[in-house]
C-alpha atoms as a PDB file:
ATOM      1  CA  MET A   1     -11.205  23.482 -46.130  1.00  0.00           C
ATOM      2  CA  GLN A   2      -9.502  21.364 -48.764  1.00  0.00           C
ATOM      3  CA  PRO A   3     -11.548  19.821 -51.558  1.00  0.00           C
ATOM      4  CA  LEU A   4     -11.865  16.022 -51.703  1.00  0.00           C
ATOM      5  CA  ASN A   5      -9.855  15.907 -54.919  1.00  0.00           C
ATOM      6  CA  ASP A   6      -6.770  17.362 -53.176  1.00  0.00           C
ATOM      7  CA  PRO A   7      -3.632  15.501 -54.379  1.00  0.00           C
ATOM      8  CA  ASN A   8      -2.260  15.406 -50.802  1.00  0.00           C
ATOM      9  CA  LEU A   9      -5.265  13.464 -49.513  1.00  0.00           C
ATOM     10  CA  PRO A  10      -3.931   9.985 -50.470  1.00  0.00           C
ATOM     11  CA  ILE A  11      -0.601  10.808 -48.818  1.00  0.00           C
ATOM     12  CA  LEU A  12      -2.330  11.917 -45.639  1.00  0.00           C
ATOM     13  CA  ALA A  13      -4.495   8.784 -45.649  1.00  0.00           C
ATOM     14  CA  GLN A  14      -1.365   6.668 -45.999  1.00  0.00           C
ATOM     15  CA  VAL A  15       0.262   8.479 -43.068  1.00  0.00           C
ATOM     16  CA  ILE A  16      -2.810   7.830 -40.931  1.00  0.00           C
ATOM     17  CA  GLN A  17      -2.626   4.136 -41.873  1.00  0.00           C
ATOM     18  CA  LEU A  18       1.063   4.056 -40.949  1.00  0.00           C
ATOM     19  CA  SER A  19       0.248   5.694 -37.612  1.00  0.00           C
ATOM     20  CA  ILE A  20      -2.253   3.031 -36.610  1.00  0.00           C
ATOM     21  CA  ALA A  21       0.393   0.449 -35.593  1.00  0.00           C
ATOM     22  CA  PRO A  22       2.200   2.869 -33.256  1.00  0.00           C
ATOM     23  CA  VAL A  23      -1.168   3.903 -31.781  1.00  0.00           C
ATOM     24  CA  PHE A  24      -1.956   0.259 -30.962  1.00  0.00           C
ATOM     25  CA  LEU A  25       1.451  -0.011 -29.330  1.00  0.00           C
ATOM     26  CA  LEU A  26       0.676   3.141 -27.363  1.00  0.00           C
ATOM     27  CA  THR A  27      -2.577   1.563 -26.151  1.00  0.00           C
ATOM     28  CA  ALA A  28      -0.737  -1.583 -25.062  1.00  0.00           C
ATOM     29  CA  ILE A  29       1.806   0.498 -23.153  1.00  0.00           C
ATOM     30  CA  GLY A  30      -1.054   2.307 -21.416  1.00  0.00           C
ATOM     31  CA  ALA A  31      -2.531  -1.008 -20.264  1.00  0.00           C
ATOM     32  CA  PHE A  32       0.915  -2.180 -19.170  1.00  0.00           C
ATOM     33  CA  LEU A  33       1.413   1.027 -17.177  1.00  0.00           C
ATOM     34  CA  SER A  34      -1.882   0.375 -15.426  1.00  0.00           C
ATOM     35  CA  VAL A  35      -0.686  -3.079 -14.342  1.00  0.00           C
ATOM     36  CA  ILE A  36       2.695  -1.796 -13.174  1.00  0.00           C
ATOM     37  CA  THR A  37       1.278   1.113 -11.195  1.00  0.00           C
ATOM     38  CA  THR A  38      -1.283  -1.160  -9.514  1.00  0.00           C
ATOM     39  CA  ARG A  39       1.486  -3.518  -8.420  1.00  0.00           C
ATOM     40  CA  LEU A  40       3.605  -0.582  -7.311  1.00  0.00           C
ATOM     41  CA  GLY A  41       0.746   0.762  -5.206  1.00  0.00           C
ATOM     42  CA  ARG A  42       0.312  -2.590  -3.487  1.00  0.00           C
ATOM     43  CA  VAL A  43       4.043  -2.802  -2.743  1.00  0.00           C
ATOM     44  CA  VAL A  44       4.051   0.729  -1.316  1.00  0.00           C
ATOM     45  CA  ASP A  45       1.019  -0.070   0.851  1.00  0.00           C
ATOM     46  CA  ARG A  46       2.702  -3.219   2.185  1.00  0.00           C
ATOM     47  CA  ALA A  47       5.934  -1.332   2.895  1.00  0.00           C
ATOM     48  CA  ARG A  48       4.066   1.395   4.799  1.00  0.00           C
ATOM     49  CA  LEU A  49       2.237  -1.238   6.836  1.00  0.00           C
ATOM     50  CA  LEU A  50       5.474  -2.994   7.744  1.00  0.00           C
ATOM     51  CA  GLU A  51       7.308   0.257   8.534  1.00  0.00           C
ATOM     52  CA  ALA A  52       4.545   1.209  10.956  1.00  0.00           C
ATOM     53  CA  SER A  53       4.790  -2.103  12.798  1.00  0.00           C
ATOM     54  CA  VAL A  54       8.520  -2.750  13.206  1.00  0.00           C
ATOM     55  CA  PRO A  55       8.876  -4.651  16.511  1.00  0.00           C
ATOM     56  CA  GLU A  56      11.515  -4.049  19.151  1.00  0.00           C
ATOM     57  CA  ASP A  57      12.867  -7.601  19.447  1.00  0.00           C
ATOM     58  CA  GLU A  58      15.750  -8.296  17.074  1.00  0.00           C
ATOM     59  CA  THR A  59      14.493 -11.592  15.610  1.00  0.00           C
ATOM     60  CA  SER A  60      11.133 -10.242  14.472  1.00  0.00           C
ATOM     61  CA  ARG A  61      12.762  -6.977  13.424  1.00  0.00           C
ATOM     62  CA  ALA A  62      15.248  -8.838  11.172  1.00  0.00           C
ATOM     63  CA  VAL A  63      12.415 -10.653   9.375  1.00  0.00           C
ATOM     64  CA  ILE A  64      10.529  -7.403   8.728  1.00  0.00           C
ATOM     65  CA  VAL A  65      13.679  -5.537   7.665  1.00  0.00           C
ATOM     66  CA  ALA A  66      14.466  -8.353   5.192  1.00  0.00           C
ATOM     67  CA  GLU A  67      10.957  -8.099   3.756  1.00  0.00           C
ATOM     68  CA  LEU A  68      11.278  -4.316   3.562  1.00  0.00           C
ATOM     69  CA  ALA A  69      14.545  -4.735   1.634  1.00  0.00           C
ATOM     70  CA  GLY A  70      12.760  -6.962  -0.884  1.00  0.00           C
ATOM     71  CA  LEU A  71       9.891  -4.493  -1.168  1.00  0.00           C
ATOM     72  CA  ASP A  72      12.381  -1.672  -1.712  1.00  0.00           C
ATOM     73  CA  ARG A  73      13.974  -3.602  -4.573  1.00  0.00           C
ATOM     74  CA  ARG A  74      10.534  -4.286  -6.052  1.00  0.00           C
ATOM     75  CA  MET A  75       9.638  -0.581  -5.835  1.00  0.00           C
ATOM     76  CA  LEU A  76      12.879   0.334  -7.591  1.00  0.00           C
ATOM     77  CA  LEU A  77      12.229  -2.124 -10.432  1.00  0.00           C
ATOM     78  CA  ALA A  78       8.567  -1.106 -10.771  1.00  0.00           C
ATOM     79  CA  ASN A  79       9.558   2.574 -10.863  1.00  0.00           C
ATOM     80  CA  ARG A  80      12.154   1.768 -13.503  1.00  0.00           C
ATOM     81  CA  ALA A  81       9.534  -0.132 -15.542  1.00  0.00           C
ATOM     82  CA  VAL A  82       7.159   2.842 -15.295  1.00  0.00           C
ATOM     83  CA  GLY A  83       9.852   5.294 -16.367  1.00  0.00           C
ATOM     84  CA  LEU A  84      10.940   3.161 -19.304  1.00  0.00           C
ATOM     85  CA  SER A  85       7.326   2.600 -20.388  1.00  0.00           C
ATOM     86  CA  VAL A  86       6.607   6.328 -20.271  1.00  0.00           C
ATOM     87  CA  ALA A  87       9.777   6.971 -22.290  1.00  0.00           C
ATOM     88  CA  ALA A  88       8.622   4.372 -24.854  1.00  0.00           C
ATOM     89  CA  ALA A  89       5.183   6.007 -25.039  1.00  0.00           C
ATOM     90  CA  LEU A  90       6.721   9.457 -25.527  1.00  0.00           C
ATOM     91  CA  THR A  91       8.976   8.061 -28.244  1.00  0.00           C
ATOM     92  CA  ILE A  92       5.953   6.604 -30.029  1.00  0.00           C
ATOM     93  CA  CYS A  93       4.158   9.949 -29.749  1.00  0.00           C
ATOM     94  CA  SER A  94       7.235  11.569 -31.286  1.00  0.00           C
ATOM     95  CA  LEU A  95       7.187   8.974 -34.065  1.00  0.00           C
ATOM     96  CA  ILE A  96       3.554   9.717 -34.878  1.00  0.00           C
ATOM     97  CA  THR A  97       4.280  13.457 -34.837  1.00  0.00           C
ATOM     98  CA  VAL A  98       7.243  13.007 -37.202  1.00  0.00           C
ATOM     99  CA  LEU A  99       5.088  10.928 -39.556  1.00  0.00           C
ATOM    100  CA  PHE A 100       2.472  13.677 -39.742  1.00  0.00           C
ATOM    101  CA  ILE A 101       5.027  16.482 -40.092  1.00  0.00           C
ATOM    102  CA  SER A 102       6.698  14.645 -42.964  1.00  0.00           C
ATOM    103  CA  ALA A 103       3.299  14.262 -44.676  1.00  0.00           C
ATOM    104  CA  VAL A 104       2.262  17.906 -44.497  1.00  0.00           C
ATOM    105  CA  SER A 105       5.583  19.718 -44.808  1.00  0.00           C
ATOM    106  CA  PRO A 106       8.638  19.681 -47.033  1.00  0.00           C
ATOM    107  CA  ILE A 107      10.670  18.172 -44.167  1.00  0.00           C
ATOM    108  CA  HIS A 108      11.200  14.418 -44.633  1.00  0.00           C
ATOM    109  CA  PRO A 109      13.237  12.894 -41.786  1.00  0.00           C
ATOM    110  CA  ASP A 110      13.434   9.424 -43.341  1.00  0.00           C
ATOM    111  CA  ASP A 111      16.162   8.181 -40.980  1.00  0.00           C
ATOM    112  CA  LEU A 112      14.308   9.398 -37.886  1.00  0.00           C
ATOM    113  CA  VAL A 113      11.196   7.218 -38.317  1.00  0.00           C
ATOM    114  CA  PRO A 114      12.898   3.796 -38.033  1.00  0.00           C
ATOM    115  CA  ALA A 115      15.236   5.097 -35.322  1.00  0.00           C
ATOM    116  CA  LEU A 116      12.288   6.280 -33.208  1.00  0.00           C
ATOM    117  CA  PHE A 117      10.450   2.997 -33.705  1.00  0.00           C
ATOM    118  CA  ILE A 118      13.500   0.929 -32.740  1.00  0.00           C
ATOM    119  CA  LEU A 119      14.144   3.170 -29.723  1.00  0.00           C
ATOM    120  CA  ALA A 120      10.534   2.762 -28.572  1.00  0.00           C
ATOM    121  CA  LEU A 121      10.802  -1.031 -28.826  1.00  0.00           C
ATOM    122  CA  VAL A 122      14.129  -1.111 -26.963  1.00  0.00           C
ATOM    123  CA  LEU A 123      12.659   1.047 -24.180  1.00  0.00           C
ATOM    124  CA  LEU A 124       9.606  -1.211 -24.023  1.00  0.00           C
ATOM    125  CA  MET A 125      11.790  -4.335 -23.845  1.00  0.00           C
ATOM    126  CA  ALA A 126      13.815  -2.794 -21.003  1.00  0.00           C
ATOM    127  CA  SER A 127      10.569  -1.957 -19.216  1.00  0.00           C
ATOM    128  CA  LEU A 128       9.297  -5.524 -19.622  1.00  0.00           C
ATOM    129  CA  LEU A 129      12.610  -6.849 -18.300  1.00  0.00           C
ATOM    130  CA  ALA A 130      12.389  -4.640 -15.191  1.00  0.00           C
ATOM    131  CA  PHE A 131       8.798  -5.809 -14.710  1.00  0.00           C
ATOM    132  CA  ALA A 132       9.828  -9.469 -15.061  1.00  0.00           C
ATOM    133  CA  LEU A 133      12.527  -8.972 -12.426  1.00  0.00           C
ATOM    134  CA  GLU A 134       9.995  -7.359 -10.076  1.00  0.00           C
ATOM    135  CA  ILE A 135       7.672 -10.333 -10.535  1.00  0.00           C
ATOM    136  CA  ARG A 136      10.548 -12.738  -9.926  1.00  0.00           C
ATOM    137  CA  ILE A 137      11.315 -11.078  -6.591  1.00  0.00           C
ATOM    138  CA  SER A 138       7.658 -11.203  -5.564  1.00  0.00           C
ATOM    139  CA  ILE A 139       7.395 -14.903  -6.484  1.00  0.00           C
ATOM    140  CA  ARG A 140      10.566 -15.687  -4.543  1.00  0.00           C
ATOM    141  CA  THR A 141       9.040 -14.000  -1.500  1.00  0.00           C
ATOM    142  CA  VAL A 142       5.834 -15.999  -1.836  1.00  0.00           C
ATOM    143  CA  ARG A 143       7.779 -19.232  -2.370  1.00  0.00           C
ATOM    144  CA  VAL A 144       9.520 -18.775   1.000  1.00  0.00           C
ATOM    145  CA  ARG A 145       6.151 -18.422   2.679  1.00  0.00           C
ATOM    146  CA  ALA A 146       4.877 -21.514   0.850  1.00  0.00           C
ATOM    147  CA  GLU A 147       7.682 -23.537   2.459  1.00  0.00           C
ATOM    148  CA  LEU A 148       6.302 -22.624   5.862  1.00  0.00           C
ATOM    149  CA  ILE A 149       2.972 -24.294   5.079  1.00  0.00           C
ATOM    150  CA  ARG A 150       4.239 -27.175   2.944  1.00  0.00           C
ATOM    151  CA  ASN A 151       3.402 -29.885   5.500  1.00  0.00           C
ATOM    152  CA  ALA A 152       0.207 -28.261   6.712  1.00  0.00           C
ATOM    153  CA  PRO A 153      -2.912 -30.409   6.453  1.00  0.00           C
ATOM    154  CA  ARG A 154      -5.055 -29.843   3.390  1.00  0.00           C
ATOM    155  CA  PRO A 155      -8.369 -28.091   3.842  1.00  0.00           C
ATOM    156  CA  PRO A 156     -11.436 -30.322   3.425  1.00  0.00           C
ATOM    157  CA  GLY A 157     -12.408 -30.729  -0.209  1.00  0.00           C
ATOM    158  CA  ASP A 158      -9.018 -29.483  -1.522  1.00  0.00           C
ATOM    159  CA  ILE A 159      -8.242 -31.289  -4.784  1.00  0.00           C
ATOM    160  CA  SER A 160      -5.207 -29.208  -5.796  1.00  0.00           C
ATOM    161  CA  PHE A 161      -1.977 -30.955  -6.650  1.00  0.00           C
ATOM    162  CA  ARG A 162       0.785 -30.495  -4.129  1.00  0.00           C
ATOM    163  CA  PRO A 163       4.223 -32.090  -4.748  1.00  0.00           C
END
């Protein structure tokens, strides 16, 4: 065990302080992954339900196949968002590891630290973009259904604004 007056102790404390920001980012990515995987699970459940109930008549079949195509696109984008988020999280873990290695060893990869941080942010931005596209598809699907009920009578006591 090292004594408290070890000259490396301030350096190690500084490295721990520098690692806190990437750890917060890692926590945010974990929460984001939870949201994405929940949405992905719901899309998969809906696709399985529709696949099990494809009707024989062509008109109804075309409607379900169109919805399945949209769900397939949503699954692709959600999977891409998950993959990119995991890659960002792994990059941040690598960044934290490099910070600690540089503090306790003679190896100092000064160019690697900013490159890893920038790579993690680019991966996270790509993940957020894929997620935004998945949400856009889901909203477009809901908007079509809203058109079907646009002229429906309002329920009693409904005070919501409807254009």
